[in-house]
All heavy atoms as atom14 arrays in JSON, in Angstrom:
{
  "sequence": "ISGTPDQPPLLPGFGLADASTGLMAAFLTLAAVHEQRRTGRGQVVD",
  "atom14_mask": [
    [1, 1, 1, 1, 1, 1, 1, 1, 0, 0, 0, 0, 0, 0],
    [1, 1, 1, 1, 1, 1, 0, 0, 0, 0, 0, 0, 0, 0],
    [1, 1, 1, 1, 0, 0, 0, 0, 0, 0, 0, 0, 0, 0],
    [1, 1, 1, 1, 1, 1, 1, 0, 0, 0, 0, 0, 0, 0],
    [1, 1, 1, 1, 1, 1, 1, 0, 0, 0, 0, 0, 0, 0],
    [1, 1, 1, 1, 1, 1, 1, 1, 0, 0, 0, 0, 0, 0],
    [1, 1, 1, 1, 1, 1, 1, 1, 1, 0, 0, 0, 0, 0],
    [1, 1, 1, 1, 1, 1, 1, 0, 0, 0, 0, 0, 0, 0],
    [1, 1, 1, 1, 1, 1, 1, 0, 0, 0, 0, 0, 0, 0],
    [1, 1, 1, 1, 1, 1, 1, 1, 0, 0, 0, 0, 0, 0],
    [1, 1, 1, 1, 1, 1, 1, 1, 0, 0, 0, 0, 0, 0],
    [1, 1, 1, 1, 1, 1, 1, 0, 0, 0, 0, 0, 0, 0],
    [1, 1, 1, 1, 0, 0, 0, 0, 0, 0, 0, 0, 0, 0],
    [1, 1, 1, 1, 1, 1, 1, 1, 1, 1, 1, 0, 0, 0],
    [1, 1, 1, 1, 0, 0, 0, 0, 0, 0, 0, 0, 0, 0],
    [1, 1, 1, 1, 1, 1, 1, 1, 0, 0, 0, 0, 0, 0],
    [1, 1, 1, 1, 1, 0, 0, 0, 0, 0, 0, 0, 0, 0],
    [1, 1, 1, 1, 1, 1, 1, 1, 0, 0, 0, 0, 0, 0],
    [1, 1, 1, 1, 1, 0, 0, 0, 0, 0, 0, 0, 0, 0],
    [1, 1, 1, 1, 1, 1, 0, 0, 0, 0, 0, 0, 0, 0],
    [1, 1, 1, 1, 1, 1, 1, 0, 0, 0, 0, 0, 0, 0],
    [1, 1, 1, 1, 0, 0, 0, 0, 0, 0, 0, 0, 0, 0],
    [1, 1, 1, 1, 1, 1, 1, 1, 0, 0, 0, 0, 0, 0],
    [1, 1, 1, 1, 1, 1, 1, 1, 0, 0, 0, 0, 0, 0],
    [1, 1, 1, 1, 1, 0, 0, 0, 0, 0, 0, 0, 0, 0],
    [1, 1, 1, 1, 1, 0, 0, 0, 0, 0, 0, 0, 0, 0],
    [1, 1, 1, 1, 1, 1, 1, 1, 1, 1, 1, 0, 0, 0],
    [1, 1, 1, 1, 1, 1, 1, 1, 0, 0, 0, 0, 0, 0],
    [1, 1, 1, 1, 1, 1, 1, 0, 0, 0, 0, 0, 0, 0],
    [1, 1, 1, 1, 1, 1, 1, 1, 0, 0, 0, 0, 0, 0],
    [1, 1, 1, 1, 1, 0, 0, 0, 0, 0, 0, 0, 0, 0],
    [1, 1, 1, 1, 1, 0, 0, 0, 0, 0, 0, 0, 0, 0],
    [1, 1, 1, 1, 1, 1, 1, 0, 0, 0, 0, 0, 0, 0],
    [1, 1, 1, 1, 1, 1, 1, 1, 1, 1, 0, 0, 0, 0],
    [1, 1, 1, 1, 1, 1, 1, 1, 1, 0, 0, 0, 0, 0],
    [1, 1, 1, 1, 1, 1, 1, 1, 1, 0, 0, 0, 0, 0],
    [1, 1, 1, 1, 1, 1, 1, 1, 1, 1, 1, 0, 0, 0],
    [1, 1, 1, 1, 1, 1, 1, 1, 1, 1, 1, 0, 0, 0],
    [1, 1, 1, 1, 1, 1, 1, 0, 0, 0, 0, 0, 0, 0],
    [1, 1, 1, 1, 0, 0, 0, 0, 0, 0, 0, 0, 0, 0],
    [1, 1, 1, 1, 1, 1, 1, 1, 1, 1, 1, 0, 0, 0],
    [1, 1, 1, 1, 0, 0, 0, 0, 0, 0, 0, 0, 0, 0],
    [1, 1, 1, 1, 1, 1, 1, 1, 1, 0, 0, 0, 0, 0],
    [1, 1, 1, 1, 1, 1, 1, 0, 0, 0, 0, 0, 0, 0],
    [1, 1, 1, 1, 1, 1, 1, 0, 0, 0, 0, 0, 0, 0],
    [1, 1, 1, 1, 1, 1, 1, 1, 0, 0, 0, 0, 0, 0]
  ],
  "atom14_positions": [
    [[22.78, 12.22, 13.65], [22.41, 13.57, 13.17], [21.21, 14.12, 13.84], [20.69, 15.19, 13.49], [22.09, 13.52, 11.64], [20.94, 12.58, 11.29], [23.34, 13.07, 10.85], [20.48, 12.6, 9.9], [0.0, 0.0, 0.0], [0.0, 0.0, 0.0], [0.0, 0.0, 0.0], [0.0, 0.0, 0.0], [0.0, 0.0, 0.0], [0.0, 0.0, 0.0]],
    [[20.76, 13.44, 14.93], [19.56, 13.86, 15.65], [19.93, 14.55, 16.94], [20.65, 13.99, 17.78], [18.65, 12.63, 15.96], [17.5, 13.07, 16.63], [0.0, 0.0, 0.0], [0.0, 0.0, 0.0], [0.0, 0.0, 0.0], [0.0, 0.0, 0.0], [0.0, 0.0, 0.0], [0.0, 0.0, 0.0], [0.0, 0.0, 0.0], [0.0, 0.0, 0.0]],
    [[19.41, 15.81, 17.12], [19.71, 16.57, 18.27], [20.41, 17.85, 17.91], [20.43, 18.29, 16.72], [0.0, 0.0, 0.0], [0.0, 0.0, 0.0], [0.0, 0.0, 0.0], [0.0, 0.0, 0.0], [0.0, 0.0, 0.0], [0.0, 0.0, 0.0], [0.0, 0.0, 0.0], [0.0, 0.0, 0.0], [0.0, 0.0, 0.0], [0.0, 0.0, 0.0]],
    [[21.0, 18.54, 18.93], [21.7, 19.78, 18.67], [23.22, 19.6, 18.85], [23.7, 18.7, 19.53], [21.23, 20.85, 19.68], [21.43, 20.34, 21.03], [19.71, 21.16, 19.48], [0.0, 0.0, 0.0], [0.0, 0.0, 0.0], [0.0, 0.0, 0.0], [0.0, 0.0, 0.0], [0.0, 0.0, 0.0], [0.0, 0.0, 0.0], [0.0, 0.0, 0.0]],
    [[24.01, 20.45, 18.23], [25.45, 20.26, 18.31], [26.07, 20.24, 19.68], [27.13, 19.58, 19.88], [25.99, 21.47, 17.44], [24.82, 21.94, 16.64], [23.61, 21.62, 17.45], [0.0, 0.0, 0.0], [0.0, 0.0, 0.0], [0.0, 0.0, 0.0], [0.0, 0.0, 0.0], [0.0, 0.0, 0.0], [0.0, 0.0, 0.0], [0.0, 0.0, 0.0]],
    [[25.49, 20.95, 20.61], [26.02, 21.02, 21.93], [25.54, 19.96, 22.95], [25.87, 20.0, 24.11], [25.76, 22.42, 22.53], [24.27, 22.71, 22.63], [23.47, 22.09, 21.85], [23.86, 23.55, 23.47], [0.0, 0.0, 0.0], [0.0, 0.0, 0.0], [0.0, 0.0, 0.0], [0.0, 0.0, 0.0], [0.0, 0.0, 0.0], [0.0, 0.0, 0.0]],
    [[24.75, 19.02, 22.45], [24.2, 17.97, 23.27], [24.46, 16.58, 22.67], [24.72, 16.45, 21.47], [22.65, 18.17, 23.41], [22.29, 19.45, 24.15], [22.59, 19.35, 25.61], [22.56, 18.34, 26.25], [23.04, 20.53, 26.17], [0.0, 0.0, 0.0], [0.0, 0.0, 0.0], [0.0, 0.0, 0.0], [0.0, 0.0, 0.0], [0.0, 0.0, 0.0]],
    [[24.33, 15.56, 23.45], [24.56, 14.2, 22.92], [23.47, 13.89, 21.88], [22.41, 14.47, 21.88], [24.37, 13.28, 24.16], [24.62, 14.15, 25.31], [24.17, 15.51, 24.91], [0.0, 0.0, 0.0], [0.0, 0.0, 0.0], [0.0, 0.0, 0.0], [0.0, 0.0, 0.0], [0.0, 0.0, 0.0], [0.0, 0.0, 0.0], [0.0, 0.0, 0.0]],
    [[23.79, 12.95, 20.97], [22.81, 12.56, 19.96], [21.54, 11.94, 20.62], [21.58, 11.44, 21.74], [23.5, 11.53, 19.13], [24.67, 11.02, 19.94], [25.04, 12.19, 20.85], [0.0, 0.0, 0.0], [0.0, 0.0, 0.0], [0.0, 0.0, 0.0], [0.0, 0.0, 0.0], [0.0, 0.0, 0.0], [0.0, 0.0, 0.0], [0.0, 0.0, 0.0]],
    [[20.4, 12.04, 19.88], [19.14, 11.58, 20.41], [18.56, 10.43, 19.65], [18.63, 10.43, 18.4], [18.14, 12.75, 20.34], [18.47, 13.94, 21.25], [17.43, 15.05, 20.96], [18.4, 13.58, 22.73], [0.0, 0.0, 0.0], [0.0, 0.0, 0.0], [0.0, 0.0, 0.0], [0.0, 0.0, 0.0], [0.0, 0.0, 0.0], [0.0, 0.0, 0.0]],
    [[18.01, 9.47, 20.36], [17.11, 8.45, 19.72], [15.76, 9.06, 19.44], [15.35, 9.99, 20.12], [17.0, 7.27, 20.65], [18.18, 6.36, 20.82], [18.07, 5.51, 22.08], [18.39, 5.49, 19.57], [0.0, 0.0, 0.0], [0.0, 0.0, 0.0], [0.0, 0.0, 0.0], [0.0, 0.0, 0.0], [0.0, 0.0, 0.0], [0.0, 0.0, 0.0]],
    [[15.04, 8.59, 18.45], [13.68, 9.08, 18.19], [12.72, 8.71, 19.32], [12.96, 7.76, 20.09], [13.28, 8.39, 16.91], [14.07, 7.15, 16.86], [15.37, 7.5, 17.54], [0.0, 0.0, 0.0], [0.0, 0.0, 0.0], [0.0, 0.0, 0.0], [0.0, 0.0, 0.0], [0.0, 0.0, 0.0], [0.0, 0.0, 0.0], [0.0, 0.0, 0.0]],
    [[11.66, 9.42, 19.42], [10.68, 9.22, 20.48], [9.62, 8.17, 20.2], [8.63, 8.04, 20.91], [0.0, 0.0, 0.0], [0.0, 0.0, 0.0], [0.0, 0.0, 0.0], [0.0, 0.0, 0.0], [0.0, 0.0, 0.0], [0.0, 0.0, 0.0], [0.0, 0.0, 0.0], [0.0, 0.0, 0.0], [0.0, 0.0, 0.0], [0.0, 0.0, 0.0]],
    [[9.84, 7.38, 19.12], [8.94, 6.3, 18.75], [9.77, 5.28, 18.03], [10.96, 5.54, 17.73], [7.76, 6.79, 17.92], [8.12, 7.23, 16.54], [7.81, 6.44, 15.43], [8.79, 8.38, 16.29], [8.2, 6.82, 14.15], [9.11, 8.8, 14.99], [8.79, 8.02, 13.93], [0.0, 0.0, 0.0], [0.0, 0.0, 0.0], [0.0, 0.0, 0.0]],
    [[9.21, 4.15, 17.66], [9.98, 3.12, 16.98], [10.17, 3.37, 15.51], [9.57, 2.75, 14.65], [0.0, 0.0, 0.0], [0.0, 0.0, 0.0], [0.0, 0.0, 0.0], [0.0, 0.0, 0.0], [0.0, 0.0, 0.0], [0.0, 0.0, 0.0], [0.0, 0.0, 0.0], [0.0, 0.0, 0.0], [0.0, 0.0, 0.0], [0.0, 0.0, 0.0]],
    [[11.01, 4.35, 15.18], [11.17, 4.78, 13.81], [11.7, 3.66, 12.9], [11.15, 3.46, 11.83], [12.14, 5.99, 13.79], [12.59, 6.53, 12.47], [11.35, 6.96, 11.59], [13.54, 7.63, 12.56], [0.0, 0.0, 0.0], [0.0, 0.0, 0.0], [0.0, 0.0, 0.0], [0.0, 0.0, 0.0], [0.0, 0.0, 0.0], [0.0, 0.0, 0.0]],
    [[12.77, 3.02, 13.31], [13.33, 1.97, 12.45], [12.39, 0.8, 12.33], [12.21, 0.24, 11.24], [14.64, 1.43, 13.07], [0.0, 0.0, 0.0], [0.0, 0.0, 0.0], [0.0, 0.0, 0.0], [0.0, 0.0, 0.0], [0.0, 0.0, 0.0], [0.0, 0.0, 0.0], [0.0, 0.0, 0.0], [0.0, 0.0, 0.0], [0.0, 0.0, 0.0]],
    [[11.64, 0.46, 13.41], [10.67, -0.63, 13.31], [9.5, -0.26, 12.36], [9.07, -1.05, 11.56], [10.07, -0.95, 14.71], [11.08, -1.76, 15.53], [11.61, -2.71, 15.06], [11.29, -1.36, 16.7], [0.0, 0.0, 0.0], [0.0, 0.0, 0.0], [0.0, 0.0, 0.0], [0.0, 0.0, 0.0], [0.0, 0.0, 0.0], [0.0, 0.0, 0.0]],
    [[9.03, 0.98, 12.5], [7.9, 1.4, 11.68], [8.24, 1.44, 10.25], [7.52, 0.97, 9.36], [7.42, 2.79, 12.13], [0.0, 0.0, 0.0], [0.0, 0.0, 0.0], [0.0, 0.0, 0.0], [0.0, 0.0, 0.0], [0.0, 0.0, 0.0], [0.0, 0.0, 0.0], [0.0, 0.0, 0.0], [0.0, 0.0, 0.0], [0.0, 0.0, 0.0]],
    [[9.42, 2.02, 9.87], [9.86, 2.07, 8.49], [10.11, 0.68, 7.92], [9.81, 0.38, 6.76], [11.1, 3.0, 8.32], [12.17, 2.54, 9.1], [0.0, 0.0, 0.0], [0.0, 0.0, 0.0], [0.0, 0.0, 0.0], [0.0, 0.0, 0.0], [0.0, 0.0, 0.0], [0.0, 0.0, 0.0], [0.0, 0.0, 0.0], [0.0, 0.0, 0.0]],
    [[10.63, -0.23, 8.78], [10.84, -1.57, 8.34], [9.5, -2.28, 8.08], [9.38, -3.05, 7.1], [11.65, -2.34, 9.36], [12.92, -1.79, 9.53], [11.78, -3.81, 9.0], [0.0, 0.0, 0.0], [0.0, 0.0, 0.0], [0.0, 0.0, 0.0], [0.0, 0.0, 0.0], [0.0, 0.0, 0.0], [0.0, 0.0, 0.0], [0.0, 0.0, 0.0]],
    [[8.47, -2.0, 8.92], [7.17, -2.59, 8.67], [6.63, -2.19, 7.34], [6.04, -3.04, 6.6], [0.0, 0.0, 0.0], [0.0, 0.0, 0.0], [0.0, 0.0, 0.0], [0.0, 0.0, 0.0], [0.0, 0.0, 0.0], [0.0, 0.0, 0.0], [0.0, 0.0, 0.0], [0.0, 0.0, 0.0], [0.0, 0.0, 0.0], [0.0, 0.0, 0.0]],
    [[6.77, -0.96, 7.03], [6.29, -0.47, 5.69], [7.01, -1.15, 4.54], [6.41, -1.66, 3.55], [6.48, 1.05, 5.56], [5.46, 1.92, 6.31], [5.98, 3.36, 6.37], [4.14, 1.92, 5.53], [0.0, 0.0, 0.0], [0.0, 0.0, 0.0], [0.0, 0.0, 0.0], [0.0, 0.0, 0.0], [0.0, 0.0, 0.0], [0.0, 0.0, 0.0]],
    [[8.36, -1.25, 4.67], [9.16, -1.85, 3.59], [8.88, -3.31, 3.5], [8.81, -3.88, 2.38], [10.63, -1.58, 3.79], [11.54, -2.14, 2.77], [11.14, -1.65, 1.05], [11.56, 0.12, 1.17], [0.0, 0.0, 0.0], [0.0, 0.0, 0.0], [0.0, 0.0, 0.0], [0.0, 0.0, 0.0], [0.0, 0.0, 0.0], [0.0, 0.0, 0.0]],
    [[8.72, -4.02, 4.63], [8.41, -5.46, 4.58], [7.07, -5.73, 3.88], [6.95, -6.67, 3.14], [8.41, -6.02, 6.04], [0.0, 0.0, 0.0], [0.0, 0.0, 0.0], [0.0, 0.0, 0.0], [0.0, 0.0, 0.0], [0.0, 0.0, 0.0], [0.0, 0.0, 0.0], [0.0, 0.0, 0.0], [0.0, 0.0, 0.0], [0.0, 0.0, 0.0]],
    [[6.1, -4.84, 4.16], [4.8, -4.97, 3.44], [5.02, -4.74, 1.93], [4.42, -5.52, 1.1], [3.81, -4.03, 4.01], [0.0, 0.0, 0.0], [0.0, 0.0, 0.0], [0.0, 0.0, 0.0], [0.0, 0.0, 0.0], [0.0, 0.0, 0.0], [0.0, 0.0, 0.0], [0.0, 0.0, 0.0], [0.0, 0.0, 0.0], [0.0, 0.0, 0.0]],
    [[5.77, -3.8, 1.55], [5.98, -3.5, 0.11], [6.74, -4.72, -0.49], [6.35, -5.17, -1.58], [6.88, -2.22, -0.04], [7.39, -2.04, -1.41], [6.5, -1.59, -2.42], [8.68, -2.38, -1.74], [7.02, -1.4, -3.7], [9.18, -2.21, -3.03], [8.29, -1.73, -4.05], [0.0, 0.0, 0.0], [0.0, 0.0, 0.0], [0.0, 0.0, 0.0]],
    [[7.77, -5.22, 0.15], [8.56, -6.33, -0.41], [7.7, -7.6, -0.53], [7.79, -8.38, -1.46], [9.77, -6.58, 0.4], [10.87, -5.49, 0.35], [11.97, -5.84, 1.36], [11.45, -5.32, -1.04], [0.0, 0.0, 0.0], [0.0, 0.0, 0.0], [0.0, 0.0, 0.0], [0.0, 0.0, 0.0], [0.0, 0.0, 0.0], [0.0, 0.0, 0.0]],
    [[6.79, -7.73, 0.47], [5.89, -8.84, 0.42], [5.03, -8.84, -0.88], [4.85, -9.79, -1.57], [5.0, -8.91, 1.68], [5.77, -9.1, 2.81], [3.97, -10.04, 1.61], [0.0, 0.0, 0.0], [0.0, 0.0, 0.0], [0.0, 0.0, 0.0], [0.0, 0.0, 0.0], [0.0, 0.0, 0.0], [0.0, 0.0, 0.0], [0.0, 0.0, 0.0]],
    [[4.46, -7.62, -1.12], [3.58, -7.49, -2.28], [4.38, -7.56, -3.57], [3.84, -8.02, -4.59], [2.8, -6.21, -2.14], [1.82, -6.15, -1.0], [1.06, -4.82, -1.03], [0.87, -7.27, -1.09], [0.0, 0.0, 0.0], [0.0, 0.0, 0.0], [0.0, 0.0, 0.0], [0.0, 0.0, 0.0], [0.0, 0.0, 0.0], [0.0, 0.0, 0.0]],
    [[5.61, -7.13, -3.58], [6.46, -7.33, -4.77], [6.62, -8.78, -5.05], [6.56, -9.25, -6.18], [7.76, -6.6, -4.58], [0.0, 0.0, 0.0], [0.0, 0.0, 0.0], [0.0, 0.0, 0.0], [0.0, 0.0, 0.0], [0.0, 0.0, 0.0], [0.0, 0.0, 0.0], [0.0, 0.0, 0.0], [0.0, 0.0, 0.0], [0.0, 0.0, 0.0]],
    [[6.96, -9.57, -4.0], [7.12, -10.98, -4.14], [5.75, -11.68, -4.51], [5.79, -12.64, -5.28], [7.66, -11.61, -2.85], [0.0, 0.0, 0.0], [0.0, 0.0, 0.0], [0.0, 0.0, 0.0], [0.0, 0.0, 0.0], [0.0, 0.0, 0.0], [0.0, 0.0, 0.0], [0.0, 0.0, 0.0], [0.0, 0.0, 0.0], [0.0, 0.0, 0.0]],
    [[4.69, -11.23, -3.97], [3.37, -11.78, -4.33], [3.08, -11.54, -5.8], [2.6, -12.38, -6.53], [2.26, -11.22, -3.46], [0.82, -11.49, -4.01], [2.34, -11.7, -2.03], [0.0, 0.0, 0.0], [0.0, 0.0, 0.0], [0.0, 0.0, 0.0], [0.0, 0.0, 0.0], [0.0, 0.0, 0.0], [0.0, 0.0, 0.0], [0.0, 0.0, 0.0]],
    [[3.36, -10.36, -6.3], [3.16, -10.07, -7.71], [3.97, -11.03, -8.6], [3.45, -11.57, -9.55], [3.61, -8.6, -8.02], [3.42, -8.19, -9.43], [2.2, -7.93, -10.0], [4.31, -8.03, -10.46], [2.36, -7.62, -11.26], [3.67, -7.68, -11.55], [0.0, 0.0, 0.0], [0.0, 0.0, 0.0], [0.0, 0.0, 0.0], [0.0, 0.0, 0.0]],
    [[5.22, -11.31, -8.25], [6.04, -12.2, -8.96], [5.52, -13.63, -8.81], [5.54, -14.41, -9.75], [7.49, -12.09, -8.5], [8.51, -12.66, -9.47], [8.72, -14.18, -9.31], [8.27, -14.72, -8.25], [9.32, -14.8, -10.19], [0.0, 0.0, 0.0], [0.0, 0.0, 0.0], [0.0, 0.0, 0.0], [0.0, 0.0, 0.0], [0.0, 0.0, 0.0]],
    [[5.04, -13.93, -7.66], [4.47, -15.28, -7.43], [3.27, -15.55, -8.3], [3.11, -16.62, -8.86], [4.08, -15.39, -5.93], [3.34, -16.67, -5.57], [2.46, -16.45, -4.32], [1.49, -15.67, -4.41], [2.74, -17.16, -3.24], [0.0, 0.0, 0.0], [0.0, 0.0, 0.0], [0.0, 0.0, 0.0], [0.0, 0.0, 0.0], [0.0, 0.0, 0.0]],
    [[2.42, -14.51, -8.47], [1.23, -14.64, -9.33], [1.67, -14.87, -10.82], [0.94, -15.56, -11.54], [0.36, -13.35, -9.24], [-0.18, -13.11, -7.8], [-1.23, -14.09, -7.44], [-1.92, -13.71, -6.23], [-1.67, -14.19, -5.02], [-0.7, -15.08, -4.86], [-2.37, -13.8, -3.94], [0.0, 0.0, 0.0], [0.0, 0.0, 0.0], [0.0, 0.0, 0.0]],
    [[2.75, -14.29, -11.14], [3.27, -14.4, -12.55], [3.9, -15.75, -12.8], [3.78, -16.3, -13.94], [4.22, -13.27, -12.87], [4.66, -13.1, -14.26], [5.25, -11.74, -14.48], [6.22, -11.38, -13.51], [7.54, -11.72, -13.57], [7.92, -12.46, -14.55], [8.34, -11.35, -12.58], [0.0, 0.0, 0.0], [0.0, 0.0, 0.0], [0.0, 0.0, 0.0]],
    [[4.64, -16.27, -11.85], [5.48, -17.47, -12.06], [5.01, -18.73, -11.36], [5.41, -19.83, -11.65], [6.95, -17.25, -11.71], [6.98, -17.05, -10.26], [7.52, -15.97, -12.37], [0.0, 0.0, 0.0], [0.0, 0.0, 0.0], [0.0, 0.0, 0.0], [0.0, 0.0, 0.0], [0.0, 0.0, 0.0], [0.0, 0.0, 0.0], [0.0, 0.0, 0.0]],
    [[4.15, -18.5, -10.35], [3.75, -19.66, -9.53], [4.78, -20.17, -8.55], [4.6, -21.19, -7.94], [0.0, 0.0, 0.0], [0.0, 0.0, 0.0], [0.0, 0.0, 0.0], [0.0, 0.0, 0.0], [0.0, 0.0, 0.0], [0.0, 0.0, 0.0], [0.0, 0.0, 0.0], [0.0, 0.0, 0.0], [0.0, 0.0, 0.0], [0.0, 0.0, 0.0]],
    [[5.79, -19.36, -8.35], [6.92, -19.8, -7.43], [7.04, -18.76, -6.3], [6.8, -17.61, -6.43], [8.25, -19.83, -8.19], [8.24, -20.84, -9.33], [9.48, -20.66, -10.21], [10.71, -20.88, -9.39], [11.9, -20.61, -9.79], [12.12, -20.07, -10.98], [12.96, -20.92, -8.99], [0.0, 0.0, 0.0], [0.0, 0.0, 0.0], [0.0, 0.0, 0.0]],
    [[7.42, -19.3, -5.15], [7.69, -18.49, -3.98], [9.19, -18.08, -3.89], [9.97, -18.43, -4.74], [0.0, 0.0, 0.0], [0.0, 0.0, 0.0], [0.0, 0.0, 0.0], [0.0, 0.0, 0.0], [0.0, 0.0, 0.0], [0.0, 0.0, 0.0], [0.0, 0.0, 0.0], [0.0, 0.0, 0.0], [0.0, 0.0, 0.0], [0.0, 0.0, 0.0]],
    [[9.51, -17.38, -2.82], [10.88, -16.97, -2.62], [11.02, -16.45, -1.16], [10.06, -16.3, -0.46], [11.35, -15.94, -3.62], [10.6, -14.61, -3.61], [11.12, -13.67, -4.68], [12.28, -13.36, -4.69], [10.19, -13.17, -5.52], [0.0, 0.0, 0.0], [0.0, 0.0, 0.0], [0.0, 0.0, 0.0], [0.0, 0.0, 0.0], [0.0, 0.0, 0.0]],
    [[12.31, -16.17, -0.77], [12.55, -15.6, 0.51], [12.8, -14.07, 0.38], [13.58, -13.66, -0.43], [13.81, -16.25, 1.14], [14.16, -15.61, 2.46], [13.6, -17.78, 1.34], [0.0, 0.0, 0.0], [0.0, 0.0, 0.0], [0.0, 0.0, 0.0], [0.0, 0.0, 0.0], [0.0, 0.0, 0.0], [0.0, 0.0, 0.0], [0.0, 0.0, 0.0]],
    [[12.16, -13.31, 1.27], [12.39, -11.92, 1.47], [13.29, -11.73, 2.68], [12.88, -12.1, 3.79], [11.07, -11.12, 1.62], [11.39, -9.65, 1.87], [10.2, -11.24, 0.32], [0.0, 0.0, 0.0], [0.0, 0.0, 0.0], [0.0, 0.0, 0.0], [0.0, 0.0, 0.0], [0.0, 0.0, 0.0], [0.0, 0.0, 0.0], [0.0, 0.0, 0.0]],
    [[14.45, -11.14, 2.48], [15.43, -10.99, 3.56], [15.58, -9.52, 3.81], [16.13, -8.77, 3.0], [16.75, -11.62, 3.13], [17.91, -11.34, 4.09], [17.64, -10.82, 5.2], [19.06, -11.67, 3.71], [0.0, 0.0, 0.0], [0.0, 0.0, 0.0], [0.0, 0.0, 0.0], [0.0, 0.0, 0.0], [0.0, 0.0, 0.0], [0.0, 0.0, 0.0]]
  ]
}
């Protein structure tokens, strides 16, 4: 969906997927930490 109809599709000019993944990984880490504080147990974030 990136670009104009008369041209090939475009990749973003920066690491968009990596950057958004970094944010989500930090959020999921803190969600797991919150649960860890409550139960004393760890888990895997995939």
